[in-house]
Amino acid sequence: MKLWLHKVEHIVDRLIPFSLILLFLLVVGEIFYYDALQPYYLITDIVDYAIIILFVIDLAFKYARIHSIPRFFRECWLEIIALLPVFIVVRVFEFFAPLARLDVVSDAAHSILETEAKWGLLVQEAERTGQVSRVAMLQRFIRPLARLPRFVKAFTFYERPTGKHHPHE
């Protein structure tokens, strides 16, 4: 490994504990102070993506040391899973969750046809409001929980920058 890459690896290894503290503060802040952090949504996302980039760089250095794709996946599988974008899984769930309840929706439609028009409109509005509030409530907790795997991964598998993989020491 070139000397400048070795120095970058040292910097990344030294930044990981600080990024863990920052990630912990983000998770706690978004769980307990969600409304207070809403105006700073862009800043929290930038910090979150910076932490992800730092972990990806760390994974790249680990792959550079291992050189074998099967061994890399065997040793770093948890870190790779922790860096997967959880928001994609959440979006897919949000798309398919209403489809899973089609029988409930059809039953509601039949009951609406049997009742008065005003009562039917009121029921529809209540269902929409309830579903929106459930999604908003889930979103409030899913964003911080999506960050937890990265925190656990990095905390468990933090590697001190010493040893034979640093030949310039």
C-alpha atoms as a PDB file:
ATOM      1  CA  MET A   1       0.000   0.000   0.000  1.00  0.00           C
ATOM      2  CA  LYS A   2       1.260   3.463  -0.824  1.00  0.00           C
ATOM      3  CA  LEU A   3       2.342   5.711   1.997  1.00  0.00           C
ATOM      4  CA  TRP A   4      -0.405   8.289   1.445  1.00  0.00           C
ATOM      5  CA  LEU A   5      -3.062   5.554   1.508  1.00  0.00           C
ATOM      6  CA  HIS A   6      -1.561   4.291   4.729  1.00  0.00           C
ATOM      7  CA  LYS A   7      -1.924   7.785   6.203  1.00  0.00           C
ATOM      8  CA  VAL A   8      -5.523   8.012   4.990  1.00  0.00           C
ATOM      9  CA  GLU A   9      -6.233   4.642   6.603  1.00  0.00           C
ATOM     10  CA  HIS A  10      -4.825   5.914   9.884  1.00  0.00           C
ATOM     11  CA  ILE A  11      -7.015   9.007   9.677  1.00  0.00           C
ATOM     12  CA  VAL A  12     -10.098   6.899   8.938  1.00  0.00           C
ATOM     13  CA  ASP A  13      -9.296   4.538  11.827  1.00  0.00           C
ATOM     14  CA  ARG A  14      -8.923   7.491  14.178  1.00  0.00           C
ATOM     15  CA  LEU A  15     -12.172   9.117  13.002  1.00  0.00           C
ATOM     16  CA  ILE A  16     -14.299   6.012  13.593  1.00  0.00           C
ATOM     17  CA  PRO A  17     -14.699   6.495  17.391  1.00  0.00           C
ATOM     18  CA  PHE A  18     -15.763  10.119  16.882  1.00  0.00           C
ATOM     19  CA  SER A  19     -18.188   9.099  14.166  1.00  0.00           C
ATOM     20  CA  LEU A  20     -19.671   6.513  16.539  1.00  0.00           C
ATOM     21  CA  ILE A  21     -20.265   9.186  19.159  1.00  0.00           C
ATOM     22  CA  LEU A  22     -21.818  11.445  16.530  1.00  0.00           C
ATOM     23  CA  LEU A  23     -23.979   8.586  15.264  1.00  0.00           C
ATOM     24  CA  PHE A  24     -25.118   7.833  18.813  1.00  0.00           C
ATOM     25  CA  LEU A  25     -26.093  11.483  19.297  1.00  0.00           C
ATOM     26  CA  LEU A  26     -28.012  11.425  16.000  1.00  0.00           C
ATOM     27  CA  VAL A  27     -29.945   8.314  17.002  1.00  0.00           C
ATOM     28  CA  VAL A  28     -30.782   9.649  20.461  1.00  0.00           C
ATOM     29  CA  GLY A  29     -31.677  13.056  19.044  1.00  0.00           C
ATOM     30  CA  GLU A  30     -34.019  11.651  16.437  1.00  0.00           C
ATOM     31  CA  ILE A  31     -35.759   9.368  18.920  1.00  0.00           C
ATOM     32  CA  PHE A  32     -36.224  11.805  21.804  1.00  0.00           C
ATOM     33  CA  TYR A  33     -35.982  15.242  20.137  1.00  0.00           C
ATOM     34  CA  TYR A  34     -37.577  14.519  16.770  1.00  0.00           C
ATOM     35  CA  ASP A  35     -39.569  17.754  16.558  1.00  0.00           C
ATOM     36  CA  ALA A  36     -36.612  19.904  17.604  1.00  0.00           C
ATOM     37  CA  LEU A  37     -34.400  18.347  14.896  1.00  0.00           C
ATOM     38  CA  GLN A  38     -36.914  18.758  12.066  1.00  0.00           C
ATOM     39  CA  PRO A  39     -35.558  22.190  10.996  1.00  0.00           C
ATOM     40  CA  TYR A  40     -32.069  20.648  10.825  1.00  0.00           C
ATOM     41  CA  TYR A  41     -33.120  17.683   8.681  1.00  0.00           C
ATOM     42  CA  LEU A  42     -30.605  18.477   5.930  1.00  0.00           C
ATOM     43  CA  ILE A  43     -27.716  18.788   8.389  1.00  0.00           C
ATOM     44  CA  THR A  44     -28.550  15.487  10.083  1.00  0.00           C
ATOM     45  CA  ASP A  45     -28.699  13.766   6.700  1.00  0.00           C
ATOM     46  CA  ILE A  46     -25.342  15.236   5.656  1.00  0.00           C
ATOM     47  CA  VAL A  47     -23.740  14.050   8.904  1.00  0.00           C
ATOM     48  CA  ASP A  48     -25.321  10.608   8.475  1.00  0.00           C
ATOM     49  CA  TYR A  49     -24.049  10.282   4.894  1.00  0.00           C
ATOM     50  CA  ALA A  50     -20.583  11.454   5.954  1.00  0.00           C
ATOM     51  CA  ILE A  51     -20.498   8.674   8.553  1.00  0.00           C
ATOM     52  CA  ILE A  52     -21.607   6.163   5.919  1.00  0.00           C
ATOM     53  CA  ILE A  53     -18.836   7.348   3.580  1.00  0.00           C
ATOM     54  CA  LEU A  54     -16.300   6.963   6.389  1.00  0.00           C
ATOM     55  CA  PHE A  55     -17.456   3.378   7.014  1.00  0.00           C
ATOM     56  CA  VAL A  56     -17.368   2.610   3.281  1.00  0.00           C
ATOM     57  CA  ILE A  57     -13.783   3.882   3.089  1.00  0.00           C
ATOM     58  CA  ASP A  58     -12.921   1.670   6.056  1.00  0.00           C
ATOM     59  CA  LEU A  59     -14.487  -1.296   4.244  1.00  0.00           C
ATOM     60  CA  ALA A  60     -12.457  -0.467   1.128  1.00  0.00           C
ATOM     61  CA  PHE A  61      -9.252  -0.584   3.158  1.00  0.00           C
ATOM     62  CA  LYS A  62     -10.295  -3.918   4.648  1.00  0.00           C
ATOM     63  CA  TYR A  63     -10.908  -5.303   1.165  1.00  0.00           C
ATOM     64  CA  ALA A  64      -7.516  -3.996   0.032  1.00  0.00           C
ATOM     65  CA  ARG A  65      -5.896  -6.006   2.833  1.00  0.00           C
ATOM     66  CA  ILE A  66      -7.947  -9.180   2.276  1.00  0.00           C
ATOM     67  CA  HIS A  67      -7.894  -9.319  -1.583  1.00  0.00           C
ATOM     68  CA  SER A  68     -10.292 -12.275  -1.708  1.00  0.00           C
ATOM     69  CA  ILE A  69     -13.971 -11.578  -2.329  1.00  0.00           C
ATOM     70  CA  PRO A  70     -15.295 -14.744  -0.598  1.00  0.00           C
ATOM     71  CA  ARG A  71     -13.078 -14.163   2.435  1.00  0.00           C
ATOM     72  CA  PHE A  72     -14.021 -10.467   2.464  1.00  0.00           C
ATOM     73  CA  PHE A  73     -17.728 -11.362   2.543  1.00  0.00           C
ATOM     74  CA  ARG A  74     -17.109 -14.008   5.206  1.00  0.00           C
ATOM     75  CA  GLU A  75     -15.239 -11.615   7.497  1.00  0.00           C
ATOM     76  CA  CYS A  76     -17.065  -8.341   6.808  1.00  0.00           C
ATOM     77  CA  TRP A  77     -20.625  -9.470   6.088  1.00  0.00           C
ATOM     78  CA  LEU A  78     -22.085  -7.703   9.103  1.00  0.00           C
ATOM     79  CA  GLU A  79     -20.456  -4.412   8.171  1.00  0.00           C
ATOM     80  CA  ILE A  80     -21.737  -4.699   4.608  1.00  0.00           C
ATOM     81  CA  ILE A  81     -25.285  -5.371   5.801  1.00  0.00           C
ATOM     82  CA  ALA A  82     -25.072  -2.468   8.243  1.00  0.00           C
ATOM     83  CA  LEU A  83     -24.229  -0.082   5.418  1.00  0.00           C
ATOM     84  CA  LEU A  84     -27.097  -1.142   3.159  1.00  0.00           C
ATOM     85  CA  PRO A  85     -29.602   1.669   2.694  1.00  0.00           C
ATOM     86  CA  VAL A  86     -32.470   0.717   4.990  1.00  0.00           C
ATOM     87  CA  PHE A  87     -34.684   3.458   3.583  1.00  0.00           C
ATOM     88  CA  ILE A  88     -35.111   1.382   0.410  1.00  0.00           C
ATOM     89  CA  VAL A  89     -36.523  -1.486   2.473  1.00  0.00           C
ATOM     90  CA  VAL A  90     -38.829   0.953   4.268  1.00  0.00           C
ATOM     91  CA  ARG A  91     -40.078   2.409   0.966  1.00  0.00           C
ATOM     92  CA  VAL A  92     -40.792  -1.078  -0.404  1.00  0.00           C
ATOM     93  CA  PHE A  93     -42.682  -1.928   2.797  1.00  0.00           C
ATOM     94  CA  GLU A  94     -44.699   1.304   2.538  1.00  0.00           C
ATOM     95  CA  PHE A  95     -45.611   0.389  -1.043  1.00  0.00           C
ATOM     96  CA  PHE A  96     -46.723  -3.172  -0.288  1.00  0.00           C
ATOM     97  CA  ALA A  97     -48.351  -2.617   3.117  1.00  0.00           C
ATOM     98  CA  PRO A  98     -51.608  -1.207   1.668  1.00  0.00           C
ATOM     99  CA  LEU A  99     -51.689  -4.041  -0.895  1.00  0.00           C
ATOM    100  CA  ALA A 100     -51.563  -6.582   1.924  1.00  0.00           C
ATOM    101  CA  ARG A 101     -54.770  -5.122   3.325  1.00  0.00           C
ATOM    102  CA  LEU A 102     -56.868  -5.277   0.153  1.00  0.00           C
ATOM    103  CA  ASP A 103     -59.426  -7.536   1.826  1.00  0.00           C
ATOM    104  CA  VAL A 104     -59.928  -4.975   4.587  1.00  0.00           C
ATOM    105  CA  VAL A 105     -60.291  -2.224   2.004  1.00  0.00           C
ATOM    106  CA  SER A 106     -62.864  -4.208   0.016  1.00  0.00           C
ATOM    107  CA  ASP A 107     -64.869  -4.947   3.180  1.00  0.00           C
ATOM    108  CA  ALA A 108     -64.791  -1.258   4.026  1.00  0.00           C
ATOM    109  CA  ALA A 109     -65.981  -0.402   0.525  1.00  0.00           C
ATOM    110  CA  HIS A 110     -68.977  -2.777   0.830  1.00  0.00           C
ATOM    111  CA  SER A 111     -69.965  -1.343   4.191  1.00  0.00           C
ATOM    112  CA  ILE A 112     -69.709   2.184   2.837  1.00  0.00           C
ATOM    113  CA  LEU A 113     -72.113   1.307   0.025  1.00  0.00           C
ATOM    114  CA  GLU A 114     -74.622   0.098   2.602  1.00  0.00           C
ATOM    115  CA  THR A 115     -74.515   3.213   4.752  1.00  0.00           C
ATOM    116  CA  GLU A 116     -75.439   6.773   4.036  1.00  0.00           C
ATOM    117  CA  ALA A 117     -73.187   8.856   1.787  1.00  0.00           C
ATOM    118  CA  LYS A 118     -72.191  11.245   4.563  1.00  0.00           C
ATOM    119  CA  TRP A 119     -71.230   8.421   6.906  1.00  0.00           C
ATOM    120  CA  GLY A 120     -69.200   6.791   4.120  1.00  0.00           C
ATOM    121  CA  LEU A 121     -67.229   9.975   3.493  1.00  0.00           C
ATOM    122  CA  LEU A 122     -66.554  10.324   7.203  1.00  0.00           C
ATOM    123  CA  VAL A 123     -65.265   6.728   7.447  1.00  0.00           C
ATOM    124  CA  GLN A 124     -62.998   7.181   4.422  1.00  0.00           C
ATOM    125  CA  GLU A 125     -61.517  10.362   5.833  1.00  0.00           C
ATOM    126  CA  ALA A 126     -60.915   8.713   9.208  1.00  0.00           C
ATOM    127  CA  GLU A 127     -59.151   5.756   7.567  1.00  0.00           C
ATOM    128  CA  ARG A 128     -56.887   8.031   5.528  1.00  0.00           C
ATOM    129  CA  THR A 129     -56.044  10.125   8.561  1.00  0.00           C
ATOM    130  CA  GLY A 130     -55.286   7.036  10.640  1.00  0.00           C
ATOM    131  CA  GLN A 131     -53.045   5.544   7.962  1.00  0.00           C
ATOM    132  CA  VAL A 132     -51.130   8.811   7.491  1.00  0.00           C
ATOM    133  CA  SER A 133     -50.588   9.165  11.228  1.00  0.00           C
ATOM    134  CA  ARG A 134     -49.346   5.554  11.484  1.00  0.00           C
ATOM    135  CA  VAL A 135     -46.873   6.075   8.645  1.00  0.00           C
ATOM    136  CA  ALA A 136     -45.673   9.332  10.215  1.00  0.00           C
ATOM    137  CA  MET A 137     -45.277   7.600  13.571  1.00  0.00           C
ATOM    138  CA  LEU A 138     -43.356   4.725  11.970  1.00  0.00           C
ATOM    139  CA  GLN A 139     -41.155   7.129  10.052  1.00  0.00           C
ATOM    140  CA  ARG A 140     -40.300   8.958  13.263  1.00  0.00           C
ATOM    141  CA  PHE A 141     -38.776   5.779  14.707  1.00  0.00           C
ATOM    142  CA  ILE A 142     -37.545   4.053  11.551  1.00  0.00           C
ATOM    143  CA  ARG A 143     -34.978   6.716  10.620  1.00  0.00           C
ATOM    144  CA  PRO A 144     -33.035   6.467  13.897  1.00  0.00           C
ATOM    145  CA  LEU A 145     -33.459   2.705  14.048  1.00  0.00           C
ATOM    146  CA  ALA A 146     -32.061   2.458  10.533  1.00  0.00           C
ATOM    147  CA  ARG A 147     -28.842   3.976  11.837  1.00  0.00           C
ATOM    148  CA  LEU A 148     -28.467   1.507  14.710  1.00  0.00           C
ATOM    149  CA  PRO A 149     -26.956  -1.358  12.677  1.00  0.00           C
ATOM    150  CA  ARG A 150     -24.119   0.908  11.573  1.00  0.00           C
ATOM    151  CA  PHE A 151     -23.522   1.897  15.170  1.00  0.00           C
ATOM    152  CA  VAL A 152     -23.509  -1.674  16.451  1.00  0.00           C
ATOM    153  CA  LYS A 153     -21.381  -2.860  13.525  1.00  0.00           C
ATOM    154  CA  ALA A 154     -18.756  -0.215  13.986  1.00  0.00           C
ATOM    155  CA  PHE A 155     -18.704  -0.528  17.749  1.00  0.00           C
ATOM    156  CA  THR A 156     -18.334  -4.306  17.652  1.00  0.00           C
ATOM    157  CA  PHE A 157     -15.908  -4.572  14.772  1.00  0.00           C
ATOM    158  CA  TYR A 158     -13.799  -1.488  15.392  1.00  0.00           C
ATOM    159  CA  GLU A 159     -10.261  -2.320  14.450  1.00  0.00           C
ATOM    160  CA  ARG A 160      -7.329  -0.549  16.043  1.00  0.00           C
ATOM    161  CA  PRO A 161      -4.832   0.702  13.423  1.00  0.00           C
ATOM    162  CA  THR A 162      -1.914  -1.451  14.532  1.00  0.00           C
ATOM    163  CA  GLY A 163      -0.484  -4.747  13.471  1.00  0.00           C
ATOM    164  CA  LYS A 164       1.081  -6.330  10.441  1.00  0.00           C
ATOM    165  CA  HIS A 165      -1.300  -4.710   7.956  1.00  0.00           C
ATOM    166  CA  HIS A 166       0.409  -1.352   8.663  1.00  0.00           C
ATOM    167  CA  PRO A 167       3.937  -1.943   7.338  1.00  0.00           C
ATOM    168  CA  HIS A 168       4.968   1.727   7.630  1.00  0.00           C
ATOM    169  CA  GLU A 169       4.879   1.777  11.443  1.00  0.00           C
END
